[in-house]
Amino acid sequence: MEKNFNDKFKIRYNLIQQLPVLGVSGFHKRDVRKSAIQFRMPGYPYVLIATDILKEGEDLHSYCKNIYHYGIAWNPSDMEQRTGRVDRIDSLAYRKIKEISDSNISEIPFQNKLQVFYPYLTDTLEVNQMCKLFRGMNRFIDIFYNDLSVKIEKDSKVQVDELVENITPQRTGLLESKYDVQNFIGFENGISFVLKPEYGTSFIELQRKMELVYNLLQVKEHFQNPEIDIDNLQLTGVLKIRNNRQGPYKCAVSQKKQLGVFEFQLSSCLGRVNLFGSVAVRLKLEFLITKINNKGKYNSNLRLHEENSYVWLQLSTDIETNTNLTFNKLVKLIILTDRIEASISKKDETLDLFN
């Protein structure tokens, strides 16, 4: 009851004038919410006839599992949006299927499944419309579960003279994602990770790789007491450069766009934004970085980044790269940052970034 009524004193108001069949459209805006509440309760109404006003934003799933699409949308996702009002977790169909969840999908009784119907009149243009819709929905499923790079051109016209001999058959069977969702564990400290190495990198593996870099920094001369935050996969510290200059740096794990694929984000601090954030200085910095990237020395990967009132020079590298190579890239980045800082500010700031 709490799910439907925030105020128990409104129960009577929401349950009065119940009928076996209710209609909802733009002309009944005042009663839309009440009709939706009544429909997801046991008892009347048994049938809810609605326009697209209930296409989204309402749950209608508690005690129904049959949907009849009178009138169609050209976009398959719109049809899915309509069906989604009932096709939800804890819906009637969901509960019935969960009762026999160990069974093969083909063994689940027809009456237990969510039913979606597309009624149409034979020997009318509706036949052509439905066939075009079914072909579009099947193609949508093929693309969504196989190749998302395929572009679908909008086509909302039906050929009146097209002869329809057979209705396009509906897709049946359990759909399985081509992605590794079944191996996905979840998030830990903001890092998503997966179970099987062949599908990505586990959180423990990321920690191990970070520790390898940390162990190397500890034994290298001029790296002053590097610190590691193993839970957040981040390294921080300062490198002593010639003439007592200092280069603050960070090394963190960053996830690429592809789930389970990671890289090291190497960062070296240029200085405070008030020194390196002005338009003139920023243009000069961007010119220098573009020039360096064009030479290909850093695989066109060098970029500026602002964080916590500081300007950083960043470089990403594959997490599978040899630890010594990752270390060398970090050292080169720090030295490059120091040279750029010296050429622009003519001095070396003392920055307590990690205190």
Protein backbone atom coordinates (compact mmCIF):
# COMPACT_ATOMS: atom_id res chain seq x y z
CA MET A 1 0.00 0.00 0.00
CA GLU A 2 2.84 2.41 0.81
CA LYS A 3 4.12 2.02 -2.74
CA ASN A 4 0.87 3.50 -4.10
CA PHE A 5 -0.14 5.97 -1.40
CA ASN A 6 2.16 8.48 0.25
CA ASP A 7 -0.76 9.71 2.33
CA LYS A 8 -3.02 7.01 3.80
CA PHE A 9 -5.87 9.54 4.07
CA LYS A 10 -6.01 9.70 0.26
CA ILE A 11 -6.74 5.99 -0.15
CA ARG A 12 -10.52 6.48 -0.23
CA TYR A 13 -10.24 9.26 -2.81
CA ASN A 14 -8.07 7.14 -5.08
CA LEU A 15 -10.32 4.09 -4.92
CA ILE A 16 -13.73 5.67 -5.47
CA GLN A 17 -15.62 5.28 -8.75
CA GLN A 18 -13.70 2.20 -9.84
CA LEU A 19 -14.95 0.55 -13.02
CA PRO A 20 -14.04 -2.70 -14.83
CA VAL A 21 -12.72 -0.61 -17.75
CA LEU A 22 -11.06 2.81 -17.54
CA GLY A 23 -9.99 5.17 -20.30
CA VAL A 24 -7.16 7.70 -20.05
CA SER A 25 -6.19 10.37 -22.57
CA GLY A 26 -5.10 13.96 -22.76
CA PHE A 27 -8.67 14.98 -21.97
CA HIS A 28 -8.46 13.24 -18.59
CA LYS A 29 -5.25 14.73 -17.25
CA ARG A 30 -6.79 15.31 -13.87
CA ASP A 31 -7.47 11.56 -13.40
CA VAL A 32 -4.38 10.05 -15.04
CA ARG A 33 -2.46 9.54 -11.81
CA LYS A 34 -5.48 8.12 -10.01
CA SER A 35 -6.26 5.73 -12.87
CA ALA A 36 -2.68 4.42 -12.88
CA ILE A 37 -2.79 3.87 -9.11
CA GLN A 38 -6.09 1.98 -9.36
CA PHE A 39 -4.83 -0.21 -12.18
CA ARG A 40 -1.80 -1.46 -10.29
CA MET A 41 -3.94 -2.48 -7.33
CA PRO A 42 -5.84 -5.79 -7.11
CA GLY A 43 -9.47 -5.55 -8.24
CA TYR A 44 -11.02 -3.01 -10.60
CA PRO A 45 -10.16 -1.81 -13.17
CA TYR A 46 -9.30 -4.97 -15.10
CA VAL A 47 -8.69 -3.08 -18.38
CA LEU A 48 -7.00 0.28 -18.90
CA ILE A 49 -7.30 1.87 -22.34
CA ALA A 50 -4.82 4.72 -22.77
CA THR A 51 -3.29 6.94 -25.41
CA ASP A 52 0.43 7.76 -25.42
CA ILE A 53 -0.16 9.83 -22.30
CA LEU A 54 0.80 6.70 -20.34
CA LYS A 55 3.67 5.75 -22.65
CA GLU A 56 6.25 6.68 -20.02
CA GLY A 57 6.59 7.73 -16.42
CA GLU A 58 4.02 5.35 -14.94
CA ASP A 59 4.18 1.81 -13.56
CA LEU A 60 1.20 -0.34 -14.56
CA HIS A 61 2.66 -3.75 -13.92
CA SER A 62 1.53 -5.05 -10.55
CA TYR A 63 -1.48 -7.13 -11.60
CA CYS A 64 -1.44 -7.30 -15.40
CA LYS A 65 0.68 -8.92 -18.10
CA ASN A 66 -1.26 -8.49 -21.35
CA ILE A 67 -0.69 -5.51 -23.64
CA TYR A 68 -2.69 -4.70 -26.78
CA HIS A 69 -1.19 -2.12 -29.10
CA TYR A 70 -4.13 -0.42 -30.83
CA GLY A 71 -2.32 1.96 -33.14
CA ILE A 72 1.42 1.70 -33.67
CA ALA A 73 4.49 3.90 -33.53
CA TRP A 74 7.04 3.81 -36.35
CA ASN A 75 9.96 3.76 -33.95
CA PRO A 76 10.55 0.29 -32.40
CA SER A 77 11.93 1.92 -29.25
CA ASP A 78 8.59 3.70 -28.80
CA MET A 79 6.84 0.34 -28.85
CA GLU A 80 9.33 -0.95 -26.29
CA GLN A 81 8.67 2.14 -24.18
CA ARG A 82 4.94 1.41 -24.16
CA THR A 83 5.49 -2.25 -23.34
CA GLY A 84 7.91 -1.19 -20.62
CA ARG A 85 5.03 0.10 -18.50
CA VAL A 86 4.20 -3.54 -17.78
CA ASP A 87 7.48 -5.32 -18.56
CA ARG A 88 9.15 -4.49 -15.26
CA ILE A 89 10.81 -6.14 -12.27
CA ASP A 90 8.19 -7.48 -9.82
CA SER A 91 5.50 -7.42 -12.49
CA LEU A 92 2.86 -10.14 -12.55
CA ALA A 93 4.65 -11.94 -15.40
CA TYR A 94 8.01 -11.55 -13.63
CA ARG A 95 6.64 -13.15 -10.48
CA LYS A 96 5.10 -16.05 -12.37
CA ILE A 97 8.30 -16.73 -14.31
CA LYS A 98 10.41 -16.50 -11.13
CA GLU A 99 8.30 -19.29 -9.63
CA ILE A 100 9.76 -21.63 -12.25
CA SER A 101 12.99 -19.77 -12.96
CA ASP A 102 15.03 -22.97 -13.12
CA SER A 103 13.08 -24.18 -16.13
CA ASN A 104 14.17 -23.77 -19.70
CA ILE A 105 12.59 -20.74 -21.35
CA SER A 106 10.74 -23.02 -23.74
CA GLU A 107 9.20 -24.88 -20.81
CA ILE A 108 7.59 -21.81 -19.23
CA PRO A 109 3.83 -22.04 -19.80
CA PHE A 110 2.39 -19.61 -22.32
CA GLN A 111 -0.02 -18.16 -19.77
CA ASN A 112 2.86 -17.27 -17.43
CA LYS A 113 4.66 -15.10 -19.96
CA LEU A 114 4.17 -11.44 -20.70
CA GLN A 115 1.85 -11.21 -23.71
CA VAL A 116 2.07 -8.39 -26.25
CA PHE A 117 -0.56 -8.28 -29.00
CA TYR A 118 -0.81 -6.18 -32.17
CA PRO A 119 -4.41 -6.40 -33.39
CA TYR A 120 -5.15 -5.25 -36.96
CA LEU A 121 -7.90 -5.53 -39.57
CA THR A 122 -7.28 -7.92 -42.44
CA ASP A 123 -7.43 -6.66 -46.03
CA THR A 124 -6.58 -3.12 -44.94
CA LEU A 125 -3.51 -0.90 -44.90
CA GLU A 126 -3.02 -1.98 -41.28
CA VAL A 127 -1.60 -5.28 -42.55
CA ASN A 128 1.17 -3.44 -44.42
CA GLN A 129 1.81 -1.24 -41.40
CA MET A 130 2.13 -4.19 -39.04
CA CYS A 131 4.49 -6.08 -41.36
CA LYS A 132 6.70 -3.02 -41.67
CA LEU A 133 6.67 -2.58 -37.90
CA PHE A 134 7.55 -6.25 -37.25
CA ARG A 135 10.43 -6.11 -39.73
CA GLY A 136 11.70 -2.94 -38.06
CA MET A 137 11.48 -4.46 -34.58
CA ASN A 138 13.30 -7.62 -35.66
CA ARG A 139 16.02 -5.53 -37.26
CA PHE A 140 16.24 -3.39 -34.14
CA ILE A 141 16.79 -6.53 -32.04
CA ASP A 142 19.44 -7.84 -34.47
CA ILE A 143 21.38 -4.59 -34.33
CA PHE A 144 21.02 -4.10 -30.57
CA TYR A 145 22.24 -7.61 -29.77
CA ASN A 146 24.83 -7.95 -32.53
CA ASP A 147 26.19 -4.75 -34.04
CA LEU A 148 25.38 -1.33 -32.60
CA SER A 149 27.46 0.40 -35.29
CA VAL A 150 24.76 -0.17 -37.92
CA LYS A 151 22.83 2.99 -38.69
CA ILE A 152 19.06 2.73 -39.11
CA GLU A 153 17.54 5.17 -41.56
CA LYS A 154 14.17 6.63 -40.61
CA ASP A 155 11.43 5.31 -42.89
CA SER A 156 7.84 6.05 -41.88
CA LYS A 157 6.11 5.29 -45.18
CA VAL A 158 4.21 2.18 -46.20
CA GLN A 159 3.79 1.03 -49.80
CA VAL A 160 0.05 0.82 -50.38
CA ASP A 161 0.42 -1.54 -53.30
CA GLU A 162 2.75 -3.94 -51.47
CA LEU A 163 1.27 -7.43 -51.50
CA VAL A 164 1.55 -9.10 -48.09
CA GLU A 165 1.43 -12.87 -48.31
CA ASN A 166 2.82 -13.70 -44.84
CA ILE A 167 2.99 -11.78 -41.59
CA THR A 168 6.59 -11.33 -40.46
CA PRO A 169 7.17 -13.95 -37.72
CA GLN A 170 7.88 -12.76 -34.21
CA ARG A 171 11.28 -13.39 -32.61
CA THR A 172 11.11 -16.02 -29.90
CA GLY A 173 13.61 -17.39 -27.42
CA LEU A 174 15.81 -15.82 -24.80
CA LEU A 175 17.88 -12.84 -25.95
CA GLU A 176 21.48 -12.77 -24.72
CA SER A 177 23.68 -9.71 -24.79
CA LYS A 178 26.87 -9.87 -26.84
CA TYR A 179 28.58 -7.96 -24.03
CA ASP A 180 30.03 -9.51 -20.90
CA VAL A 181 27.23 -8.53 -18.53
CA GLN A 182 27.09 -12.06 -17.10
CA ASN A 183 30.68 -11.66 -15.92
CA PHE A 184 30.25 -8.18 -14.45
CA ILE A 185 30.65 -7.97 -10.69
CA GLY A 186 30.00 -4.32 -9.97
CA PHE A 187 31.78 -1.27 -8.67
CA GLU A 188 34.36 -0.94 -5.95
CA ASN A 189 35.61 2.51 -4.98
CA GLY A 190 34.36 3.94 -8.24
CA ILE A 191 36.15 1.34 -10.39
CA SER A 192 34.03 -1.14 -12.32
CA PHE A 193 35.51 -4.56 -12.79
CA VAL A 194 34.63 -7.97 -14.20
CA LEU A 195 35.13 -11.53 -13.09
CA LYS A 196 36.99 -13.25 -15.88
CA PRO A 197 40.39 -11.98 -17.13
CA GLU A 198 39.48 -12.73 -20.74
CA TYR A 199 36.69 -10.16 -20.45
CA GLY A 200 38.72 -7.48 -18.72
CA THR A 201 40.80 -6.86 -15.63
CA SER A 202 39.80 -7.76 -12.09
CA PHE A 203 40.10 -5.24 -9.25
CA ILE A 204 42.75 -7.39 -7.56
CA GLU A 205 44.76 -7.43 -10.79
CA LEU A 206 44.58 -3.63 -10.98
CA GLN A 207 45.88 -3.41 -7.42
CA ARG A 208 48.76 -5.75 -8.27
CA LYS A 209 49.78 -3.64 -11.27
CA MET A 210 49.64 -0.47 -9.19
CA GLU A 211 51.84 -2.07 -6.52
CA LEU A 212 54.44 -3.00 -9.16
CA VAL A 213 54.79 0.66 -10.13
CA TYR A 214 54.88 1.69 -6.47
CA ASN A 215 57.63 -0.83 -5.63
CA LEU A 216 59.72 0.47 -8.51
CA LEU A 217 59.32 4.11 -7.41
CA GLN A 218 60.40 3.21 -3.88
CA VAL A 219 63.82 1.95 -4.97
CA LYS A 220 64.50 4.69 -7.52
CA GLU A 221 66.70 7.55 -6.45
CA HIS A 222 65.21 11.06 -6.31
CA PHE A 223 61.61 9.80 -5.83
CA GLN A 224 60.74 11.18 -2.40
CA ASN A 225 58.59 8.83 -0.30
CA PRO A 226 55.91 7.90 -2.84
CA GLU A 227 52.53 7.14 -1.30
CA ILE A 228 50.00 4.60 -2.51
CA ASP A 229 46.25 4.52 -1.97
CA ILE A 230 45.63 0.91 -2.96
CA ASP A 231 41.86 1.08 -2.42
CA ASN A 232 41.49 4.01 -4.82
CA LEU A 233 44.28 2.81 -7.14
CA GLN A 234 46.35 5.98 -6.96
CA LEU A 235 50.02 6.87 -6.44
CA THR A 236 51.31 10.32 -5.46
CA GLY A 237 54.71 11.79 -4.80
CA VAL A 238 57.45 14.21 -5.79
CA LEU A 239 60.49 13.72 -8.03
CA LYS A 240 63.62 15.72 -7.24
CA ILE A 241 64.95 17.20 -10.46
CA ARG A 242 68.23 18.99 -11.17
CA ASN A 243 68.98 22.28 -9.38
CA ASN A 244 66.71 21.22 -6.52
CA ARG A 245 63.59 21.65 -8.61
CA GLN A 246 60.61 19.44 -7.73
CA GLY A 247 58.06 17.66 -9.87
CA PRO A 248 54.81 16.60 -8.14
CA TYR A 249 53.14 13.67 -9.90
CA LYS A 250 50.19 11.26 -9.75
CA CYS A 251 49.63 7.84 -11.23
CA ALA A 252 46.04 6.56 -11.22
CA VAL A 253 44.01 3.83 -12.87
CA SER A 254 41.40 5.04 -15.32
CA GLN A 255 38.80 2.99 -17.13
CA LYS A 256 38.51 3.35 -20.89
CA LYS A 257 35.16 3.52 -22.68
CA GLN A 258 35.15 -0.24 -23.02
CA LEU A 259 34.04 -2.01 -19.84
CA GLY A 260 36.86 -3.86 -18.10
CA VAL A 261 39.67 -2.17 -20.09
CA PHE A 262 41.94 0.15 -18.11
CA GLU A 263 44.93 2.46 -18.49
CA PHE A 264 47.35 4.34 -16.27
CA GLN A 265 46.69 8.07 -16.10
CA LEU A 266 50.07 9.74 -15.52
CA SER A 267 49.90 13.34 -14.30
CA SER A 268 52.53 15.97 -13.54
CA CYS A 269 51.66 19.32 -11.96
CA LEU A 270 52.52 22.54 -13.80
CA GLY A 271 51.31 24.87 -11.08
CA ARG A 272 48.37 26.83 -9.78
CA VAL A 273 45.57 27.91 -12.08
CA ASN A 274 46.17 31.59 -11.23
CA LEU A 275 49.60 31.28 -12.90
CA PHE A 276 48.80 28.94 -15.78
CA GLY A 277 45.10 29.55 -16.32
CA SER A 278 45.15 32.96 -17.98
CA VAL A 279 44.12 33.11 -21.63
CA ALA A 280 47.56 34.14 -22.91
CA VAL A 281 49.42 31.47 -20.94
CA ARG A 282 46.85 28.82 -21.75
CA LEU A 283 47.15 29.53 -25.49
CA LYS A 284 50.92 29.25 -25.22
CA LEU A 285 50.60 25.96 -23.35
CA GLU A 286 48.18 24.52 -25.87
CA PHE A 287 50.48 25.58 -28.71
CA LEU A 288 53.44 23.81 -27.09
CA ILE A 289 51.44 20.65 -26.43
CA THR A 290 50.08 20.55 -29.97
CA LYS A 291 53.62 20.96 -31.29
CA ILE A 292 54.87 18.10 -29.09
CA ASN A 293 51.95 15.85 -30.03
CA ASN A 294 52.50 16.51 -33.73
CA LYS A 295 56.02 15.11 -33.37
CA GLY A 296 54.42 11.86 -32.16
CA LYS A 297 56.84 11.50 -29.28
CA TYR A 298 54.02 10.83 -26.82
CA ASN A 299 51.67 9.13 -29.30
CA SER A 300 49.65 12.38 -29.59
CA ASN A 301 48.43 11.67 -26.08
CA LEU A 302 49.65 14.68 -24.13
CA ARG A 303 46.96 17.01 -22.74
CA LEU A 304 46.18 19.67 -20.13
CA HIS A 305 43.91 19.02 -17.16
CA GLU A 306 42.65 21.24 -14.34
CA GLU A 307 41.97 19.76 -10.92
CA ASN A 308 41.61 21.34 -7.46
CA SER A 309 42.92 24.74 -8.61
CA TYR A 310 45.99 23.20 -10.26
CA VAL A 311 46.96 22.69 -13.89
CA TRP A 312 48.33 19.26 -14.74
CA LEU A 313 49.99 17.77 -17.78
CA GLN A 314 48.57 14.31 -18.43
CA LEU A 315 49.58 11.25 -20.39
CA SER A 316 47.80 7.90 -20.55
CA THR A 317 49.50 4.56 -21.09
CA ASP A 318 48.22 1.03 -21.46
CA ILE A 319 48.03 -0.75 -18.13
CA GLU A 320 49.55 -3.85 -19.73
CA THR A 321 52.71 -1.91 -20.60
CA ASN A 322 55.90 -3.15 -18.98
CA THR A 323 56.36 -1.53 -15.53
CA ASN A 324 59.78 -0.12 -16.47
CA LEU A 325 58.30 1.53 -19.56
CA THR A 326 55.51 3.04 -17.47
CA PHE A 327 58.13 4.37 -15.05
CA ASN A 328 60.20 5.87 -17.89
CA LYS A 329 57.11 7.59 -19.31
CA LEU A 330 56.35 9.08 -15.91
CA VAL A 331 59.89 10.42 -15.53
CA LYS A 332 59.86 11.94 -19.03
CA LEU A 333 56.47 13.53 -18.34
CA ILE A 334 57.69 15.10 -15.08
CA ILE A 335 60.84 16.47 -16.73
CA LEU A 336 58.85 17.82 -19.68
CA THR A 337 56.39 19.49 -17.31
CA ASP A 338 59.24 21.07 -15.37
CA ARG A 339 60.79 22.46 -18.57
CA ILE A 340 57.47 23.96 -19.66
CA GLU A 341 56.97 25.44 -16.18
CA ALA A 342 60.47 26.94 -16.22
CA SER A 343 60.02 28.44 -19.70
CA ILE A 344 56.75 30.13 -18.78
CA SER A 345 56.96 31.06 -15.06
CA LYS A 346 60.77 31.25 -14.74
CA LYS A 347 60.51 29.74 -11.25
CA ASP A 348 59.66 26.56 -9.37
CA GLU A 349 56.63 26.65 -7.09
CA THR A 350 56.68 24.78 -3.81
CA LEU A 351 53.39 22.88 -3.88
CA ASP A 352 52.01 20.91 -0.94
CA LEU A 353 49.57 18.99 -3.10
CA PHE A 354 49.35 15.78 -1.16
CA ASN A 355 49.34 17.01 2.42
